[in-house]
């Protein structure tokens, strides 16, 4: 079994938890089911649920009707996935701002773990 951890900034709640809580009930349930799959299958989950982005960042892909939610994450120390950023996808590509924000959070997460 794999572990899932939420990125937590120094101040404030975990942004991905806030994102999930902001979704409608059916979308939250679909996200929870997809996170369960990630926990169960880990790096073997594959398409259509996961896709590699860049710089060790992956996206978890959740489709609920016409909506598409995305959660950007990375694998940290063996069997722990860290959820960095969540958003509802509105264009055909992942916004660069989302990737930059996820990278910034990843760097922050890793640097605080090294202390």
PDB file of N, CA and C in Angstrom:
ATOM      1  N   UNK A   1       0.837  -1.184   0.000  1.00  0.00           N
ATOM      2  CA  UNK A   1       0.000   0.000   0.000  1.00  0.00           C
ATOM      3  C   UNK A   1       0.881   1.246   0.000  1.00  0.00           C
ATOM      4  N   UNK A   2       0.472   2.213  -0.786  1.00  0.00           N
ATOM      5  CA  UNK A   2       1.197   3.467  -0.904  1.00  0.00           C
ATOM      6  C   UNK A   2       0.605   4.492   0.057  1.00  0.00           C
ATOM      7  N   UNK A   3       1.375   5.529   0.367  1.00  0.00           N
ATOM      8  CA  UNK A   3       0.929   6.585   1.274  1.00  0.00           C
ATOM      9  C   UNK A   3       0.643   7.855   0.490  1.00  0.00           C
ATOM     10  N   UNK A   4      -0.341   8.599   0.954  1.00  0.00           N
ATOM     11  CA  UNK A   4      -0.653   9.897   0.367  1.00  0.00           C
ATOM     12  C   UNK A   4      -0.554  10.935   1.467  1.00  0.00           C
ATOM     13  N   UNK A   5       0.172  12.003   1.165  1.00  0.00           N
ATOM     14  CA  UNK A   5       0.370  13.088   2.116  1.00  0.00           C
ATOM     15  C   UNK A   5      -0.019  14.393   1.423  1.00  0.00           C
ATOM     16  N   UNK A   6      -0.579  15.318   2.165  1.00  0.00           N
ATOM     17  CA  UNK A   6      -0.946  16.620   1.616  1.00  0.00           C
ATOM     18  C   UNK A   6       0.154  17.627   1.939  1.00  0.00           C
ATOM     19  N   UNK A   7       0.568  18.379   0.933  1.00  0.00           N
ATOM     20  CA  UNK A   7       1.515  19.469   1.176  1.00  0.00           C
ATOM     21  C   UNK A   7       0.857  20.466   2.119  1.00  0.00           C
ATOM     22  N   UNK A   8       1.600  20.883   3.141  1.00  0.00           N
ATOM     23  CA  UNK A   8       1.110  21.885   4.077  1.00  0.00           C
ATOM     24  C   UNK A   8       2.057  23.065   4.081  1.00  0.00           C
ATOM     25  N   UNK A   9       1.548  24.253   3.759  1.00  0.00           N
ATOM     26  CA  UNK A   9       2.409  25.433   3.846  1.00  0.00           C
ATOM     27  C   UNK A   9       2.723  25.729   5.314  1.00  0.00           C
ATOM     28  N   UNK A  10       3.676  26.615   5.535  1.00  0.00           N
ATOM     29  CA  UNK A  10       4.030  26.946   6.924  1.00  0.00           C
ATOM     30  C   UNK A  10       2.849  27.539   7.671  1.00  0.00           C
ATOM     31  N   UNK A  11       2.022  28.303   6.947  1.00  0.00           N
ATOM     32  CA  UNK A  11       0.826  28.898   7.547  1.00  0.00           C
ATOM     33  C   UNK A  11      -0.367  28.527   6.684  1.00  0.00           C
ATOM     34  N   UNK A  12      -1.418  28.128   7.345  1.00  0.00           N
ATOM     35  CA  UNK A  12      -2.647  27.828   6.621  1.00  0.00           C
ATOM     36  C   UNK A  12      -2.862  26.346   6.386  1.00  0.00           C
ATOM     37  N   UNK A  13      -4.044  26.017   5.885  1.00  0.00           N
ATOM     38  CA  UNK A  13      -4.397  24.616   5.652  1.00  0.00           C
ATOM     39  C   UNK A  13      -3.785  24.061   4.370  1.00  0.00           C
ATOM     40  N   UNK A  14      -3.782  22.746   4.217  1.00  0.00           N
ATOM     41  CA  UNK A  14      -3.273  22.137   2.979  1.00  0.00           C
ATOM     42  C   UNK A  14      -4.123  22.573   1.779  1.00  0.00           C
ATOM     43  N   UNK A  15      -3.499  23.144   0.743  1.00  0.00           N
ATOM     44  CA  UNK A  15      -4.265  23.667  -0.396  1.00  0.00           C
ATOM     45  C   UNK A  15      -5.064  22.602  -1.148  1.00  0.00           C
ATOM     46  N   UNK A  16      -4.559  21.389  -1.255  1.00  0.00           N
ATOM     47  CA  UNK A  16      -5.305  20.357  -1.989  1.00  0.00           C
ATOM     48  C   UNK A  16      -6.543  19.936  -1.204  1.00  0.00           C
ATOM     49  N   UNK A  17      -6.439  19.878   0.117  1.00  0.00           N
ATOM     50  CA  UNK A  17      -7.624  19.566   0.927  1.00  0.00           C
ATOM     51  C   UNK A  17      -8.685  20.643   0.741  1.00  0.00           C
ATOM     52  N   UNK A  18      -8.258  21.902   0.731  1.00  0.00           N
ATOM     53  CA  UNK A  18      -9.198  23.004   0.500  1.00  0.00           C
ATOM     54  C   UNK A  18      -9.858  22.875  -0.867  1.00  0.00           C
ATOM     55  N   UNK A  19      -9.051  22.543  -1.880  1.00  0.00           N
ATOM     56  CA  UNK A  19      -9.590  22.374  -3.227  1.00  0.00           C
ATOM     57  C   UNK A  19     -10.648  21.271  -3.248  1.00  0.00           C
ATOM     58  N   UNK A  20     -10.336  20.126  -2.667  1.00  0.00           N
ATOM     59  CA  UNK A  20     -11.272  19.000  -2.664  1.00  0.00           C
ATOM     60  C   UNK A  20     -12.561  19.373  -1.926  1.00  0.00           C
ATOM     61  N   UNK A  21     -12.424  20.056  -0.798  1.00  0.00           N
ATOM     62  CA  UNK A  21     -13.601  20.448  -0.024  1.00  0.00           C
ATOM     63  C   UNK A  21     -14.468  21.463  -0.756  1.00  0.00           C
ATOM     64  N   UNK A  22     -13.890  22.204  -1.704  1.00  0.00           N
ATOM     65  CA  UNK A  22     -14.651  23.204  -2.462  1.00  0.00           C
ATOM     66  C   UNK A  22     -15.494  22.579  -3.577  1.00  0.00           C
ATOM     67  N   UNK A  23     -15.257  21.315  -3.888  1.00  0.00           N
ATOM     68  CA  UNK A  23     -15.962  20.650  -4.985  1.00  0.00           C
ATOM     69  C   UNK A  23     -17.360  20.198  -4.548  1.00  0.00           C
ATOM     70  N   UNK A  24     -18.207  19.961  -5.548  1.00  0.00           N
ATOM     71  CA  UNK A  24     -19.529  19.410  -5.273  1.00  0.00           C
ATOM     72  C   UNK A  24     -19.385  17.976  -4.776  1.00  0.00           C
ATOM     73  N   UNK A  25     -20.429  17.464  -4.140  1.00  0.00           N
ATOM     74  CA  UNK A  25     -20.383  16.151  -3.488  1.00  0.00           C
ATOM     75  C   UNK A  25     -19.959  15.047  -4.457  1.00  0.00           C
ATOM     76  N   UNK A  26     -20.542  14.991  -5.656  1.00  0.00           N
ATOM     77  CA  UNK A  26     -20.198  13.930  -6.612  1.00  0.00           C
ATOM     78  C   UNK A  26     -18.738  14.027  -7.043  1.00  0.00           C
ATOM     79  N   UNK A  27     -18.263  15.238  -7.249  1.00  0.00           N
ATOM     80  CA  UNK A  27     -16.858  15.424  -7.641  1.00  0.00           C
ATOM     81  C   UNK A  27     -15.919  15.029  -6.515  1.00  0.00           C
ATOM     82  N   UNK A  28     -16.282  15.375  -5.281  1.00  0.00           N
ATOM     83  CA  UNK A  28     -15.455  14.973  -4.127  1.00  0.00           C
ATOM     84  C   UNK A  28     -15.370  13.461  -4.030  1.00  0.00           C
ATOM     85  N   UNK A  29     -16.491  12.798  -4.268  1.00  0.00           N
ATOM     86  CA  UNK A  29     -16.507  11.328  -4.208  1.00  0.00           C
ATOM     87  C   UNK A  29     -15.618  10.733  -5.292  1.00  0.00           C
ATOM     88  N   UNK A  30     -15.648  11.308  -6.476  1.00  0.00           N
ATOM     89  CA  UNK A  30     -14.823  10.806  -7.584  1.00  0.00           C
ATOM     90  C   UNK A  30     -13.341  11.033  -7.277  1.00  0.00           C
ATOM     91  N   UNK A  31     -13.007  12.193  -6.710  1.00  0.00           N
ATOM     92  CA  UNK A  31     -11.620  12.471  -6.315  1.00  0.00           C
ATOM     93  C   UNK A  31     -11.182  11.466  -5.260  1.00  0.00           C
ATOM     94  N   UNK A  32     -12.023  11.215  -4.274  1.00  0.00           N
ATOM     95  CA  UNK A  32     -11.684  10.263  -3.204  1.00  0.00           C
ATOM     96  C   UNK A  32     -11.437   8.872  -3.788  1.00  0.00           C
ATOM     97  N   UNK A  33     -12.268   8.457  -4.728  1.00  0.00           N
ATOM     98  CA  UNK A  33     -12.103   7.140  -5.358  1.00  0.00           C
ATOM     99  C   UNK A  33     -10.774   7.078  -6.127  1.00  0.00           C
ATOM    100  N   UNK A  34     -10.453   8.138  -6.836  1.00  0.00           N
ATOM    101  CA  UNK A  34      -9.205   8.160  -7.614  1.00  0.00           C
ATOM    102  C   UNK A  34      -7.995   8.178  -6.687  1.00  0.00           C
ATOM    103  N   UNK A  35      -8.085   8.891  -5.568  1.00  0.00           N
ATOM    104  CA  UNK A  35      -6.996   8.869  -4.587  1.00  0.00           C
ATOM    105  C   UNK A  35      -6.843   7.472  -3.982  1.00  0.00           C
ATOM    106  N   UNK A  36      -7.960   6.782  -3.781  1.00  0.00           N
ATOM    107  CA  UNK A  36      -7.897   5.395  -3.301  1.00  0.00           C
ATOM    108  C   UNK A  36      -7.145   4.506  -4.293  1.00  0.00           C
ATOM    109  N   UNK A  37      -7.401   4.723  -5.580  1.00  0.00           N
ATOM    110  CA  UNK A  37      -6.697   3.952  -6.614  1.00  0.00           C
ATOM    111  C   UNK A  37      -5.199   4.242  -6.581  1.00  0.00           C
ATOM    112  N   UNK A  38      -4.834   5.516  -6.407  1.00  0.00           N
ATOM    113  CA  UNK A  38      -3.415   5.878  -6.325  1.00  0.00           C
ATOM    114  C   UNK A  38      -2.777   5.208  -5.115  1.00  0.00           C
ATOM    115  N   UNK A  39      -3.487   5.194  -4.006  1.00  0.00           N
ATOM    116  CA  UNK A  39      -2.982   4.552  -2.789  1.00  0.00           C
ATOM    117  C   UNK A  39      -2.817   3.043  -2.989  1.00  0.00           C
ATOM    118  N   UNK A  40      -3.719   2.449  -3.725  1.00  0.00           N
ATOM    119  CA  UNK A  40      -3.685   1.004  -3.933  1.00  0.00           C
ATOM    120  C   UNK A  40      -2.634   0.588  -4.961  1.00  0.00           C
ATOM    121  N   UNK A  41      -2.584   1.278  -6.095  1.00  0.00           N
ATOM    122  CA  UNK A  41      -1.722   0.846  -7.201  1.00  0.00           C
ATOM    123  C   UNK A  41      -0.423   1.637  -7.329  1.00  0.00           C
ATOM    124  N   UNK A  42      -0.326   2.790  -6.702  1.00  0.00           N
ATOM    125  CA  UNK A  42       0.901   3.580  -6.730  1.00  0.00           C
ATOM    126  C   UNK A  42       1.377   3.896  -8.126  1.00  0.00           C
ATOM    127  N   UNK A  43       2.672   3.673  -8.359  1.00  0.00           N
ATOM    128  CA  UNK A  43       3.259   4.027  -9.650  1.00  0.00           C
ATOM    129  C   UNK A  43       2.741   3.170 -10.788  1.00  0.00           C
ATOM    130  N   UNK A  44       2.048   2.109 -10.485  1.00  0.00           N
ATOM    131  CA  UNK A  44       1.487   1.242 -11.519  1.00  0.00           C
ATOM    132  C   UNK A  44       0.090   1.657 -11.957  1.00  0.00           C
ATOM    133  N   UNK A  45      -0.445   2.745 -11.413  1.00  0.00           N
ATOM    134  CA  UNK A  45      -1.804   3.150 -11.738  1.00  0.00           C
ATOM    135  C   UNK A  45      -1.954   3.476 -13.225  1.00  0.00           C
ATOM    136  N   UNK A  46      -1.112   4.335 -13.751  1.00  0.00           N
ATOM    137  CA  UNK A  46      -1.083   4.599 -15.186  1.00  0.00           C
ATOM    138  C   UNK A  46      -2.303   5.316 -15.741  1.00  0.00           C
ATOM    139  N   UNK A  47      -2.324   5.412 -17.089  1.00  0.00           N
ATOM    140  CA  UNK A  47      -3.390   6.103 -17.819  1.00  0.00           C
ATOM    141  C   UNK A  47      -4.679   5.315 -17.686  1.00  0.00           C
ATOM    142  N   UNK A  48      -5.799   5.970 -17.693  1.00  0.00           N
ATOM    143  CA  UNK A  48      -6.046   7.403 -17.883  1.00  0.00           C
ATOM    144  C   UNK A  48      -6.010   8.199 -16.584  1.00  0.00           C
ATOM    145  N   UNK A  49      -5.596   7.570 -15.470  1.00  0.00           N
ATOM    146  CA  UNK A  49      -5.657   8.234 -14.170  1.00  0.00           C
ATOM    147  C   UNK A  49      -4.463   9.129 -13.873  1.00  0.00           C
ATOM    148  N   UNK A  50      -3.298   8.785 -14.400  1.00  0.00           N
ATOM    149  CA  UNK A  50      -2.111   9.589 -14.129  1.00  0.00           C
ATOM    150  C   UNK A  50      -1.390   9.925 -15.429  1.00  0.00           C
ATOM    151  N   UNK A  51      -0.653  11.016 -15.367  1.00  0.00           N
ATOM    152  CA  UNK A  51       0.157  11.418 -16.521  1.00  0.00           C
ATOM    153  C   UNK A  51       1.372  12.172 -15.996  1.00  0.00           C
ATOM    154  N   UNK A  52       2.535  11.860 -16.584  1.00  0.00           N
ATOM    155  CA  UNK A  52       3.760  12.569 -16.197  1.00  0.00           C
ATOM    156  C   UNK A  52       3.732  13.964 -16.800  1.00  0.00           C
ATOM    157  N   UNK A  53       4.095  14.973 -16.014  1.00  0.00           N
ATOM    158  CA  UNK A  53       4.147  16.346 -16.508  1.00  0.00           C
ATOM    159  C   UNK A  53       5.579  16.746 -16.829  1.00  0.00           C
ATOM    160  N   UNK A  54       6.361  16.978 -15.785  1.00  0.00           N
ATOM    161  CA  UNK A  54       7.762  17.375 -15.931  1.00  0.00           C
ATOM    162  C   UNK A  54       8.407  17.444 -14.555  1.00  0.00           C
ATOM    163  N   UNK A  55       9.732  17.432 -14.518  1.00  0.00           N
ATOM    164  CA  UNK A  55      10.510  17.618 -13.293  1.00  0.00           C
ATOM    165  C   UNK A  55       9.944  16.827 -12.119  1.00  0.00           C
ATOM    166  N   UNK A  56       9.682  15.544 -12.340  1.00  0.00           N
ATOM    167  CA  UNK A  56       9.181  14.612 -11.328  1.00  0.00           C
ATOM    168  C   UNK A  56       7.787  14.961 -10.817  1.00  0.00           C
ATOM    169  N   UNK A  57       7.044  15.760 -11.585  1.00  0.00           N
ATOM    170  CA  UNK A  57       5.663  16.078 -11.238  1.00  0.00           C
ATOM    171  C   UNK A  57       4.715  15.245 -12.090  1.00  0.00           C
ATOM    172  N   UNK A  58       3.678  14.761 -11.461  1.00  0.00           N
ATOM    173  CA  UNK A  58       2.640  13.973 -12.119  1.00  0.00           C
ATOM    174  C   UNK A  58       1.295  14.641 -11.900  1.00  0.00           C
ATOM    175  N   UNK A  59       0.346  14.329 -12.756  1.00  0.00           N
ATOM    176  CA  UNK A  59      -1.001  14.808 -12.523  1.00  0.00           C
ATOM    177  C   UNK A  59      -1.927  13.621 -12.316  1.00  0.00           C
ATOM    178  N   UNK A  60      -2.780  13.743 -11.326  1.00  0.00           N
ATOM    179  CA  UNK A  60      -3.845  12.784 -11.112  1.00  0.00           C
ATOM    180  C   UNK A  60      -5.050  13.351 -11.859  1.00  0.00           C
ATOM    181  N   UNK A  61      -5.626  12.548 -12.738  1.00  0.00           N
ATOM    182  CA  UNK A  61      -6.675  13.019 -13.639  1.00  0.00           C
ATOM    183  C   UNK A  61      -8.027  12.453 -13.209  1.00  0.00           C
ATOM    184  N   UNK A  62      -8.941  13.368 -12.904  1.00  0.00           N
ATOM    185  CA  UNK A  62     -10.260  12.972 -12.448  1.00  0.00           C
ATOM    186  C   UNK A  62     -11.296  13.623 -13.359  1.00  0.00           C
ATOM    187  N   UNK A  63     -12.174  12.806 -13.923  1.00  0.00           N
ATOM    188  CA  UNK A  63     -13.229  13.327 -14.786  1.00  0.00           C
ATOM    189  C   UNK A  63     -14.568  13.017 -14.144  1.00  0.00           C
ATOM    190  N   UNK A  64     -15.368  14.055 -13.953  1.00  0.00           N
ATOM    191  CA  UNK A  64     -16.721  13.910 -13.407  1.00  0.00           C
ATOM    192  C   UNK A  64     -17.656  14.660 -14.346  1.00  0.00           C
ATOM    193  N   UNK A  65     -18.324  13.919 -15.211  1.00  0.00           N
ATOM    194  CA  UNK A  65     -19.180  14.557 -16.220  1.00  0.00           C
ATOM    195  C   UNK A  65     -18.332  15.366 -17.173  1.00  0.00           C
ATOM    196  N   UNK A  66     -18.698  16.624 -17.368  1.00  0.00           N
ATOM    197  CA  UNK A  66     -17.925  17.479 -18.273  1.00  0.00           C
ATOM    198  C   UNK A  66     -16.754  18.158 -17.562  1.00  0.00           C
ATOM    199  N   UNK A  67     -16.703  18.042 -16.235  1.00  0.00           N
ATOM    200  CA  UNK A  67     -15.614  18.663 -15.473  1.00  0.00           C
ATOM    201  C   UNK A  67     -14.417  17.741 -15.377  1.00  0.00           C
ATOM    202  N   UNK A  68     -13.246  18.370 -15.331  1.00  0.00           N
ATOM    203  CA  UNK A  68     -12.008  17.615 -15.146  1.00  0.00           C
ATOM    204  C   UNK A  68     -11.217  18.254 -14.012  1.00  0.00           C
ATOM    205  N   UNK A  69     -11.003  17.488 -12.945  1.00  0.00           N
ATOM    206  CA  UNK A  69     -10.158  17.965 -11.864  1.00  0.00           C
ATOM    207  C   UNK A  69      -8.768  17.373 -12.041  1.00  0.00           C
ATOM    208  N   UNK A  70      -7.786  18.147 -11.625  1.00  0.00           N
ATOM    209  CA  UNK A  70      -6.407  17.694 -11.671  1.00  0.00           C
ATOM    210  C   UNK A  70      -5.758  17.952 -10.324  1.00  0.00           C
ATOM    211  N   UNK A  71      -4.932  17.007  -9.900  1.00  0.00           N
ATOM    212  CA  UNK A  71      -4.124  17.179  -8.694  1.00  0.00           C
ATOM    213  C   UNK A  71      -2.688  16.881  -9.091  1.00  0.00           C
ATOM    214  N   UNK A  72      -1.822  17.854  -8.905  1.00  0.00           N
ATOM    215  CA  UNK A  72      -0.402  17.682  -9.223  1.00  0.00           C
ATOM    216  C   UNK A  72       0.300  17.158  -7.969  1.00  0.00           C
ATOM    217  N   UNK A  73       1.120  16.133  -8.156  1.00  0.00           N
ATOM    218  CA  UNK A  73       1.785  15.482  -7.037  1.00  0.00           C
ATOM    219  C   UNK A  73       3.167  14.995  -7.456  1.00  0.00           C
ATOM    220  N   UNK A  74       3.940  14.541  -6.462  1.00  0.00           N
ATOM    221  CA  UNK A  74       5.224  13.905  -6.746  1.00  0.00           C
ATOM    222  C   UNK A  74       5.445  12.763  -5.764  1.00  0.00           C
ATOM    223  N   UNK A  75       6.350  11.876  -6.135  1.00  0.00           N
ATOM    224  CA  UNK A  75       6.703  10.737  -5.284  1.00  0.00           C
ATOM    225  C   UNK A  75       7.881  11.150  -4.420  1.00  0.00           C
ATOM    226  N   UNK A  76       7.692  11.024  -3.107  1.00  0.00           N
ATOM    227  CA  UNK A  76       8.735  11.412  -2.158  1.00  0.00           C
ATOM    228  C   UNK A  76       9.098  10.203  -1.311  1.00  0.00           C
ATOM    229  N   UNK A  77      10.359   9.912  -1.225  1.00  0.00           N
ATOM    230  CA  UNK A  77      10.914   8.837  -0.395  1.00  0.00           C
ATOM    231  C   UNK A  77      10.150   7.521  -0.478  1.00  0.00           C
ATOM    232  N   UNK A  78      10.375   6.843  -1.529  1.00  0.00           N
ATOM    233  CA  UNK A  78       9.878   5.479  -1.639  1.00  0.00           C
ATOM    234  C   UNK A  78       8.429   5.310  -1.993  1.00  0.00           C
ATOM    235  N   UNK A  79       7.550   5.330  -1.002  1.00  0.00           N
ATOM    236  CA  UNK A  79       6.157   5.019  -1.268  1.00  0.00           C
ATOM    237  C   UNK A  79       5.193   6.086  -0.778  1.00  0.00           C
ATOM    238  N   UNK A  80       5.623   7.346  -0.767  1.00  0.00           N
ATOM    239  CA  UNK A  80       4.760   8.438  -0.334  1.00  0.00           C
ATOM    240  C   UNK A  80       4.568   9.432  -1.465  1.00  0.00           C
ATOM    241  N   UNK A  81       3.293   9.641  -1.816  1.00  0.00           N
ATOM    242  CA  UNK A  81       2.937  10.663  -2.794  1.00  0.00           C
ATOM    243  C   UNK A  81       2.549  11.921  -2.033  1.00  0.00           C
ATOM    244  N   UNK A  82       3.037  13.074  -2.490  1.00  0.00           N
ATOM    245  CA  UNK A  82       2.703  14.349  -1.863  1.00  0.00           C
ATOM    246  C   UNK A  82       1.849  15.139  -2.842  1.00  0.00           C
ATOM    247  N   UNK A  83       0.631  15.464  -2.410  1.00  0.00           N
ATOM    248  CA  UNK A  83      -0.304  16.226  -3.238  1.00  0.00           C
ATOM    249  C   UNK A  83      -0.001  17.710  -3.077  1.00  0.00           C
ATOM    250  N   UNK A  84       0.332  18.362  -4.188  1.00  0.00           N
ATOM    251  CA  UNK A  84       0.823  19.738  -4.141  1.00  0.00           C
ATOM    252  C   UNK A  84      -0.216  20.784  -4.523  1.00  0.00           C
ATOM    253  N   UNK A  85      -0.994  20.516  -5.575  1.00  0.00           N
ATOM    254  CA  UNK A  85      -1.890  21.546  -6.105  1.00  0.00           C
ATOM    255  C   UNK A  85      -3.073  20.889  -6.797  1.00  0.00           C
ATOM    256  N   UNK A  86      -4.259  21.406  -6.559  1.00  0.00           N
ATOM    257  CA  UNK A  86      -5.454  20.890  -7.212  1.00  0.00           C
ATOM    258  C   UNK A  86      -6.207  22.004  -7.909  1.00  0.00           C
ATOM    259  N   UNK A  87      -6.811  21.683  -9.036  1.00  0.00           N
ATOM    260  CA  UNK A  87      -7.574  22.692  -9.779  1.00  0.00           C
ATOM    261  C   UNK A  87      -8.526  22.000 -10.741  1.00  0.00           C
ATOM    262  N   UNK A  88      -9.511  22.759 -11.211  1.00  0.00           N
ATOM    263  CA  UNK A  88     -10.416  22.278 -12.236  1.00  0.00           C
ATOM    264  C   UNK A  88      -9.860  22.722 -13.571  1.00  0.00           C
ATOM    265  N   UNK A  89      -9.645  21.773 -14.443  1.00  0.00           N
ATOM    266  CA  UNK A  89      -9.026  22.045 -15.741  1.00  0.00           C
ATOM    267  C   UNK A  89     -10.067  22.646 -16.678  1.00  0.00           C
ATOM    268  N   UNK A  90      -9.704  23.778 -17.290  1.00  0.00           N
ATOM    269  CA  UNK A  90     -10.639  24.476 -18.169  1.00  0.00           C
ATOM    270  C   UNK A  90     -10.117  24.625 -19.592  1.00  0.00           C
ATOM    271  N   UNK A  91      -8.882  24.261 -19.808  1.00  0.00           N
ATOM    272  CA  UNK A  91      -8.292  24.351 -21.149  1.00  0.00           C
ATOM    273  C   UNK A  91      -7.698  22.994 -21.511  1.00  0.00           C
ATOM    274  N   UNK A  92      -7.223  22.885 -22.744  1.00  0.00           N
ATOM    275  CA  UNK A  92      -6.686  21.592 -23.185  1.00  0.00           C
ATOM    276  C   UNK A  92      -5.320  21.279 -22.581  1.00  0.00           C
ATOM    277  N   UNK A  93      -4.616  22.282 -22.106  1.00  0.00           N
ATOM    278  CA  UNK A  93      -3.296  22.034 -21.518  1.00  0.00           C
ATOM    279  C   UNK A  93      -3.293  22.459 -20.050  1.00  0.00           C
ATOM    280  N   UNK A  94      -2.305  21.971 -19.327  1.00  0.00           N
ATOM    281  CA  UNK A  94      -2.142  22.346 -17.921  1.00  0.00           C
ATOM    282  C   UNK A  94      -1.567  23.761 -17.874  1.00  0.00           C
ATOM    283  N   UNK A  95      -2.200  24.672 -17.139  1.00  0.00           N
ATOM    284  CA  UNK A  95      -1.664  26.041 -17.062  1.00  0.00           C
ATOM    285  C   UNK A  95      -0.247  26.059 -16.485  1.00  0.00           C
ATOM    286  N   UNK A  96       0.606  26.848 -17.079  1.00  0.00           N
ATOM    287  CA  UNK A  96       1.992  26.954 -16.578  1.00  0.00           C
ATOM    288  C   UNK A  96       2.036  27.444 -15.142  1.00  0.00           C
ATOM    289  N   UNK A  97       1.083  28.313 -14.795  1.00  0.00           N
ATOM    290  CA  UNK A  97       1.052  28.817 -13.420  1.00  0.00           C
ATOM    291  C   UNK A  97       0.820  27.680 -12.430  1.00  0.00           C
ATOM    292  N   UNK A  98       0.025  26.690 -12.807  1.00  0.00           N
ATOM    293  CA  UNK A  98      -0.231  25.542 -11.931  1.00  0.00           C
ATOM    294  C   UNK A  98       1.043  24.729 -11.743  1.00  0.00           C
ATOM    295  N   UNK A  99       1.793  24.534 -12.820  1.00  0.00           N
ATOM    296  CA  UNK A  99       3.040  23.772 -12.727  1.00  0.00           C
ATOM    297  C   UNK A  99       4.070  24.534 -11.894  1.00  0.00           C
ATOM    298  N   UNK A 100       4.182  25.848 -12.124  1.00  0.00           N
ATOM    299  CA  UNK A 100       5.130  26.657 -11.346  1.00  0.00           C
ATOM    300  C   UNK A 100       4.790  26.627  -9.856  1.00  0.00           C
ATOM    301  N   UNK A 101       3.507  26.739  -9.545  1.00  0.00           N
ATOM    302  CA  UNK A 101       3.081  26.709  -8.146  1.00  0.00           C
ATOM    303  C   UNK A 101       3.388  25.349  -7.517  1.00  0.00           C
ATOM    304  N   UNK A 102       3.119  24.283  -8.243  1.00  0.00           N
ATOM    305  CA  UNK A 102       3.410  22.934  -7.732  1.00  0.00           C
ATOM    306  C   UNK A 102       4.910  22.758  -7.505  1.00  0.00           C
ATOM    307  N   UNK A 103       5.732  23.225  -8.435  1.00  0.00           N
ATOM    308  CA  UNK A 103       7.192  23.134  -8.269  1.00  0.00           C
ATOM    309  C   UNK A 103       7.658  23.911  -7.041  1.00  0.00           C
ATOM    310  N   UNK A 104       7.100  25.098  -6.859  1.00  0.00           N
ATOM    311  CA  UNK A 104       7.454  25.923  -5.703  1.00  0.00           C
ATOM    312  C   UNK A 104       7.098  25.187  -4.408  1.00  0.00           C
ATOM    313  N   UNK A 105       5.921  24.573  -4.380  1.00  0.00           N
ATOM    314  CA  UNK A 105       5.495  23.842  -3.193  1.00  0.00           C
ATOM    315  C   UNK A 105       6.361  22.599  -2.972  1.00  0.00           C
ATOM    316  N   UNK A 106       6.741  21.942  -4.048  1.00  0.00           N
ATOM    317  CA  UNK A 106       7.603  20.763  -3.930  1.00  0.00           C
ATOM    318  C   UNK A 106       8.948  21.150  -3.316  1.00  0.00           C
ATOM    319  N   UNK A 107       9.540  22.223  -3.806  1.00  0.00           N
ATOM    320  CA  UNK A 107      10.822  22.697  -3.285  1.00  0.00           C
ATOM    321  C   UNK A 107      10.685  23.041  -1.808  1.00  0.00           C
ATOM    322  N   UNK A 108       9.600  23.721  -1.443  1.00  0.00           N
ATOM    323  CA  UNK A 108       9.353  24.076  -0.045  1.00  0.00           C
ATOM    324  C   UNK A 108       9.205  22.819   0.811  1.00  0.00           C
ATOM    325  N   UNK A 109       8.436  21.865   0.338  1.00  0.00           N
ATOM    326  CA  UNK A 109       8.215  20.610   1.079  1.00  0.00           C
ATOM    327  C   UNK A 109       9.536  19.880   1.319  1.00  0.00           C
ATOM    328  N   UNK A 110      10.302  19.702   0.270  1.00  0.00           N
ATOM    329  CA  UNK A 110      11.559  18.957   0.369  1.00  0.00           C
ATOM    330  C   UNK A 110      12.552  19.696   1.274  1.00  0.00           C
ATOM    331  N   UNK A 111      12.648  21.021   1.122  1.00  0.00           N
ATOM    332  CA  UNK A 111      13.616  21.775   1.919  1.00  0.00           C
ATOM    333  C   UNK A 111      13.273  21.725   3.408  1.00  0.00           C
ATOM    334  N   UNK A 112      11.997  21.737   3.751  1.00  0.00           N
ATOM    335  CA  UNK A 112      11.621  21.654   5.170  1.00  0.00           C
ATOM    336  C   UNK A 112      11.833  20.256   5.731  1.00  0.00           C
ATOM    337  N   UNK A 113      11.815  19.227   4.892  1.00  0.00           N
ATOM    338  CA  UNK A 113      12.057  17.858   5.351  1.00  0.00           C
ATOM    339  C   UNK A 113      13.542  17.605   5.605  1.00  0.00           C
ATOM    340  N   UNK A 114      14.393  18.411   4.987  1.00  0.00           N
ATOM    341  CA  UNK A 114      15.846  18.208   5.124  1.00  0.00           C
ATOM    342  C   UNK A 114      16.387  18.840   6.387  1.00  0.00           C
ATOM    343  N   UNK A 115      15.599  19.686   7.040  1.00  0.00           N
ATOM    344  CA  UNK A 115      16.084  20.383   8.238  1.00  0.00           C
ATOM    345  C   UNK A 115      16.191  19.473   9.420  1.00  0.00           C
TER     346      UNK A 115
END
